[in-house]
N, C-alpha and C. Protein backbone atom coordinates (compact mmCIF):
# COMPACT_ATOMS: atom_id res chain seq x y z
N MET A 1 0.83 -1.19 0.00
CA MET A 1 0.00 0.00 0.00
C MET A 1 0.86 1.24 0.00
N ASN A 2 0.39 2.25 -0.68
CA ASN A 2 1.06 3.54 -0.68
C ASN A 2 0.36 4.46 0.31
N GLY A 3 1.07 5.46 0.77
CA GLY A 3 0.47 6.39 1.70
C GLY A 3 1.24 7.69 1.73
N THR A 4 0.74 8.61 2.51
CA THR A 4 1.41 9.88 2.69
C THR A 4 1.61 10.10 4.18
N LEU A 5 2.55 10.97 4.50
CA LEU A 5 2.84 11.31 5.88
C LEU A 5 2.73 12.81 6.03
N ASN A 6 1.93 13.25 6.98
CA ASN A 6 1.78 14.67 7.26
C ASN A 6 2.41 14.97 8.61
N LYS A 7 3.13 16.09 8.68
CA LYS A 7 3.72 16.53 9.94
C LYS A 7 3.22 17.94 10.21
N VAL A 8 2.67 18.12 11.40
CA VAL A 8 2.14 19.42 11.81
C VAL A 8 2.94 19.89 13.01
N ILE A 9 3.44 21.13 12.95
CA ILE A 9 4.13 21.74 14.09
C ILE A 9 3.39 23.03 14.42
N LEU A 10 2.88 23.10 15.66
CA LEU A 10 2.19 24.30 16.13
C LEU A 10 3.00 24.91 17.27
N ILE A 11 3.24 26.21 17.19
CA ILE A 11 3.92 26.93 18.25
C ILE A 11 3.01 28.08 18.65
N GLY A 12 2.61 28.08 19.92
CA GLY A 12 1.68 29.10 20.37
C GLY A 12 1.65 29.19 21.88
N ARG A 13 0.52 29.66 22.40
CA ARG A 13 0.35 29.82 23.84
C ARG A 13 -0.89 29.07 24.29
N MET A 14 -0.79 28.49 25.50
CA MET A 14 -1.93 27.76 26.07
C MET A 14 -3.05 28.73 26.38
N GLY A 15 -4.24 28.42 25.91
CA GLY A 15 -5.39 29.28 26.14
C GLY A 15 -6.09 29.02 27.45
N ASP A 16 -5.78 27.90 28.10
CA ASP A 16 -6.41 27.53 29.37
C ASP A 16 -5.58 26.40 29.98
N VAL A 17 -5.91 26.02 31.20
CA VAL A 17 -5.23 24.89 31.83
C VAL A 17 -5.71 23.60 31.18
N VAL A 18 -4.94 22.53 31.35
CA VAL A 18 -5.31 21.22 30.81
C VAL A 18 -6.47 20.66 31.62
N LYS A 19 -7.47 20.15 30.93
CA LYS A 19 -8.60 19.49 31.58
C LYS A 19 -8.41 17.98 31.39
N LEU A 20 -8.20 17.28 32.50
CA LEU A 20 -7.97 15.83 32.46
C LEU A 20 -9.28 15.07 32.63
N THR A 21 -9.42 13.98 31.88
CA THR A 21 -10.53 13.05 32.02
C THR A 21 -9.94 11.67 32.23
N TYR A 22 -10.30 11.02 33.36
CA TYR A 22 -9.79 9.68 33.67
C TYR A 22 -10.82 8.62 33.32
N PHE A 23 -10.31 7.45 32.93
CA PHE A 23 -11.16 6.32 32.57
C PHE A 23 -10.92 5.19 33.56
N SER A 24 -11.78 4.18 33.51
CA SER A 24 -11.77 3.11 34.51
C SER A 24 -10.46 2.31 34.56
N GLU A 25 -9.76 2.17 33.45
CA GLU A 25 -8.51 1.40 33.44
C GLU A 25 -7.32 2.21 33.93
N GLY A 26 -7.53 3.44 34.38
CA GLY A 26 -6.43 4.30 34.83
C GLY A 26 -5.86 5.18 33.74
N ASN A 27 -6.34 5.01 32.52
CA ASN A 27 -5.90 5.86 31.42
C ASN A 27 -6.57 7.23 31.53
N CYS A 28 -5.95 8.22 30.90
CA CYS A 28 -6.57 9.55 30.90
C CYS A 28 -6.23 10.28 29.61
N ILE A 29 -7.02 11.30 29.33
CA ILE A 29 -6.72 12.21 28.24
C ILE A 29 -6.76 13.62 28.81
N GLY A 30 -5.94 14.48 28.24
CA GLY A 30 -5.94 15.89 28.60
C GLY A 30 -6.25 16.71 27.38
N GLN A 31 -6.99 17.78 27.58
CA GLN A 31 -7.39 18.63 26.46
C GLN A 31 -7.16 20.08 26.84
N PHE A 32 -6.59 20.87 25.90
CA PHE A 32 -6.41 22.30 26.14
C PHE A 32 -6.41 23.05 24.81
N PRO A 33 -6.82 24.33 24.85
CA PRO A 33 -6.77 25.14 23.64
C PRO A 33 -5.39 25.75 23.45
N LEU A 34 -4.93 25.81 22.22
CA LEU A 34 -3.65 26.41 21.87
C LEU A 34 -3.90 27.52 20.86
N ALA A 35 -3.41 28.72 21.16
CA ALA A 35 -3.58 29.88 20.28
C ALA A 35 -2.31 30.09 19.47
N THR A 36 -2.46 30.18 18.14
CA THR A 36 -1.34 30.53 17.27
C THR A 36 -1.68 31.86 16.61
N ASP A 37 -0.69 32.75 16.55
CA ASP A 37 -0.90 34.08 16.00
C ASP A 37 -0.19 34.23 14.66
N ASP A 38 -0.75 35.06 13.80
CA ASP A 38 -0.16 35.36 12.52
C ASP A 38 -0.22 36.86 12.32
N GLU A 39 0.90 37.47 11.92
CA GLU A 39 0.94 38.90 11.64
C GLU A 39 1.47 39.10 10.23
N TYR A 40 0.87 40.06 9.53
CA TYR A 40 1.29 40.35 8.17
C TYR A 40 0.89 41.78 7.82
N THR A 41 1.42 42.30 6.73
CA THR A 41 1.08 43.64 6.27
C THR A 41 0.19 43.53 5.04
N ASN A 42 -0.97 44.18 5.08
CA ASN A 42 -1.87 44.24 3.95
C ASN A 42 -1.23 45.12 2.89
N ARG A 43 -0.90 44.55 1.74
CA ARG A 43 -0.19 45.31 0.70
C ARG A 43 -1.04 46.42 0.10
N ALA A 44 -2.34 46.24 0.08
CA ALA A 44 -3.21 47.26 -0.51
C ALA A 44 -3.29 48.51 0.37
N THR A 45 -3.34 48.31 1.69
CA THR A 45 -3.51 49.45 2.61
C THR A 45 -2.26 49.74 3.44
N ASN A 46 -1.24 48.87 3.35
CA ASN A 46 -0.02 48.98 4.15
C ASN A 46 -0.31 48.93 5.65
N GLU A 47 -1.45 48.35 6.00
CA GLU A 47 -1.86 48.23 7.40
C GLU A 47 -1.35 46.91 7.98
N ARG A 48 -0.88 46.97 9.22
CA ARG A 48 -0.41 45.77 9.92
C ARG A 48 -1.62 44.99 10.41
N MET A 49 -1.71 43.72 10.02
CA MET A 49 -2.85 42.88 10.36
C MET A 49 -2.38 41.75 11.27
N SER A 50 -3.29 41.26 12.11
CA SER A 50 -2.98 40.10 12.94
C SER A 50 -4.23 39.26 13.09
N SER A 51 -4.03 37.96 13.27
CA SER A 51 -5.15 37.06 13.49
C SER A 51 -4.69 35.94 14.42
N THR A 52 -5.64 35.40 15.15
CA THR A 52 -5.37 34.30 16.07
C THR A 52 -6.22 33.10 15.66
N GLU A 53 -5.58 31.94 15.60
CA GLU A 53 -6.29 30.71 15.29
C GLU A 53 -6.20 29.80 16.51
N TRP A 54 -7.33 29.18 16.86
CA TRP A 54 -7.38 28.31 18.04
C TRP A 54 -7.40 26.86 17.61
N HIS A 55 -6.61 26.03 18.31
CA HIS A 55 -6.51 24.61 18.05
C HIS A 55 -6.83 23.86 19.33
N THR A 56 -7.55 22.76 19.25
CA THR A 56 -7.80 21.91 20.40
C THR A 56 -6.76 20.80 20.40
N ILE A 57 -5.94 20.76 21.45
CA ILE A 57 -4.88 19.77 21.56
C ILE A 57 -5.31 18.69 22.54
N ILE A 58 -5.10 17.43 22.16
CA ILE A 58 -5.43 16.30 23.02
C ILE A 58 -4.17 15.48 23.24
N VAL A 59 -3.84 15.24 24.51
CA VAL A 59 -2.70 14.41 24.88
C VAL A 59 -3.19 13.28 25.78
N ARG A 60 -2.43 12.19 25.83
CA ARG A 60 -2.91 11.00 26.54
C ARG A 60 -1.98 10.58 27.67
N ASN A 61 -2.58 9.95 28.67
CA ASN A 61 -1.91 9.24 29.75
C ASN A 61 -0.83 10.06 30.44
N LYS A 62 0.40 9.53 30.53
CA LYS A 62 1.46 10.20 31.30
C LYS A 62 1.76 11.59 30.75
N LEU A 63 1.76 11.75 29.42
CA LEU A 63 2.01 13.06 28.83
C LEU A 63 0.95 14.06 29.27
N ALA A 64 -0.30 13.63 29.31
CA ALA A 64 -1.39 14.51 29.76
C ALA A 64 -1.15 14.97 31.20
N GLU A 65 -0.73 14.04 32.05
CA GLU A 65 -0.48 14.39 33.46
C GLU A 65 0.71 15.33 33.60
N LEU A 66 1.75 15.14 32.79
CA LEU A 66 2.92 16.02 32.84
C LEU A 66 2.58 17.42 32.35
N VAL A 67 1.83 17.51 31.26
CA VAL A 67 1.43 18.82 30.74
C VAL A 67 0.56 19.54 31.77
N GLU A 68 -0.34 18.81 32.42
CA GLU A 68 -1.22 19.41 33.43
C GLU A 68 -0.41 19.90 34.63
N LYS A 69 0.64 19.17 34.99
CA LYS A 69 1.44 19.52 36.18
C LYS A 69 2.37 20.71 35.94
N TYR A 70 2.98 20.79 34.76
CA TYR A 70 4.05 21.75 34.53
C TYR A 70 3.70 22.95 33.65
N THR A 71 2.51 23.03 33.13
CA THR A 71 2.15 24.18 32.28
C THR A 71 0.98 24.95 32.88
N HIS A 72 0.86 26.19 32.42
CA HIS A 72 -0.19 27.08 32.90
C HIS A 72 -0.75 27.88 31.72
N LYS A 73 -1.91 28.46 31.93
CA LYS A 73 -2.52 29.31 30.91
C LYS A 73 -1.54 30.41 30.52
N GLY A 74 -1.36 30.60 29.22
CA GLY A 74 -0.46 31.63 28.71
C GLY A 74 0.96 31.17 28.43
N ASP A 75 1.31 29.96 28.88
CA ASP A 75 2.67 29.44 28.64
C ASP A 75 2.88 29.16 27.15
N PRO A 76 4.11 29.41 26.66
CA PRO A 76 4.41 29.02 25.28
C PRO A 76 4.53 27.50 25.17
N VAL A 77 3.99 26.94 24.09
CA VAL A 77 3.97 25.50 23.89
C VAL A 77 4.27 25.19 22.43
N SER A 78 5.04 24.14 22.20
CA SER A 78 5.28 23.62 20.87
C SER A 78 4.64 22.24 20.80
N TYR A 79 3.88 21.98 19.74
CA TYR A 79 3.17 20.71 19.58
C TYR A 79 3.50 20.15 18.20
N THR A 80 3.96 18.90 18.14
CA THR A 80 4.27 18.24 16.88
C THR A 80 3.43 16.98 16.76
N HIS A 81 2.85 16.79 15.57
CA HIS A 81 1.99 15.63 15.35
C HIS A 81 2.32 15.03 13.98
N LEU A 82 2.50 13.72 13.95
CA LEU A 82 2.70 12.99 12.69
C LEU A 82 1.46 12.14 12.42
N ARG A 83 1.05 12.11 11.18
CA ARG A 83 -0.11 11.31 10.83
C ARG A 83 0.13 10.64 9.48
N ALA A 84 -0.02 9.34 9.45
CA ALA A 84 0.13 8.58 8.21
C ALA A 84 -1.24 8.32 7.61
N HIS A 85 -1.36 8.52 6.32
CA HIS A 85 -2.60 8.26 5.59
C HIS A 85 -2.34 7.15 4.59
N GLU A 86 -3.08 6.08 4.69
CA GLU A 86 -2.94 4.97 3.74
C GLU A 86 -3.85 5.23 2.54
N THR A 87 -3.34 4.95 1.37
CA THR A 87 -4.12 5.08 0.15
C THR A 87 -4.03 3.77 -0.63
N GLY A 88 -5.04 3.53 -1.44
CA GLY A 88 -5.01 2.37 -2.32
C GLY A 88 -5.48 1.20 -1.64
C-alpha cells in the first residue's frame, strides 16, 4: 500500500489549563486550547494585520499528566503531530 505522511508543528500559547478526564482502566486524556498568531502587512492598505487561530490539543496518559502539572494558561507550547494516511 502507498500512503502519505503529514507533519504538523504548532507553536503558540496555552489558552487555558489542561482538563484531564480519567477512565476506569487508569488511562486519561488531557485537552487544552492552543492559540497561534499570525501577523502580516496588507499590501493594498499597508496596514499591519494580525489574526489568532485556536486549536484543540489532546494528549494522553502520562504526557497529559505532565502537561497538566508543569504548564499554565499563557505558557508558550510547541506541539508536533505525525499522521500517516494509507491510500489504495
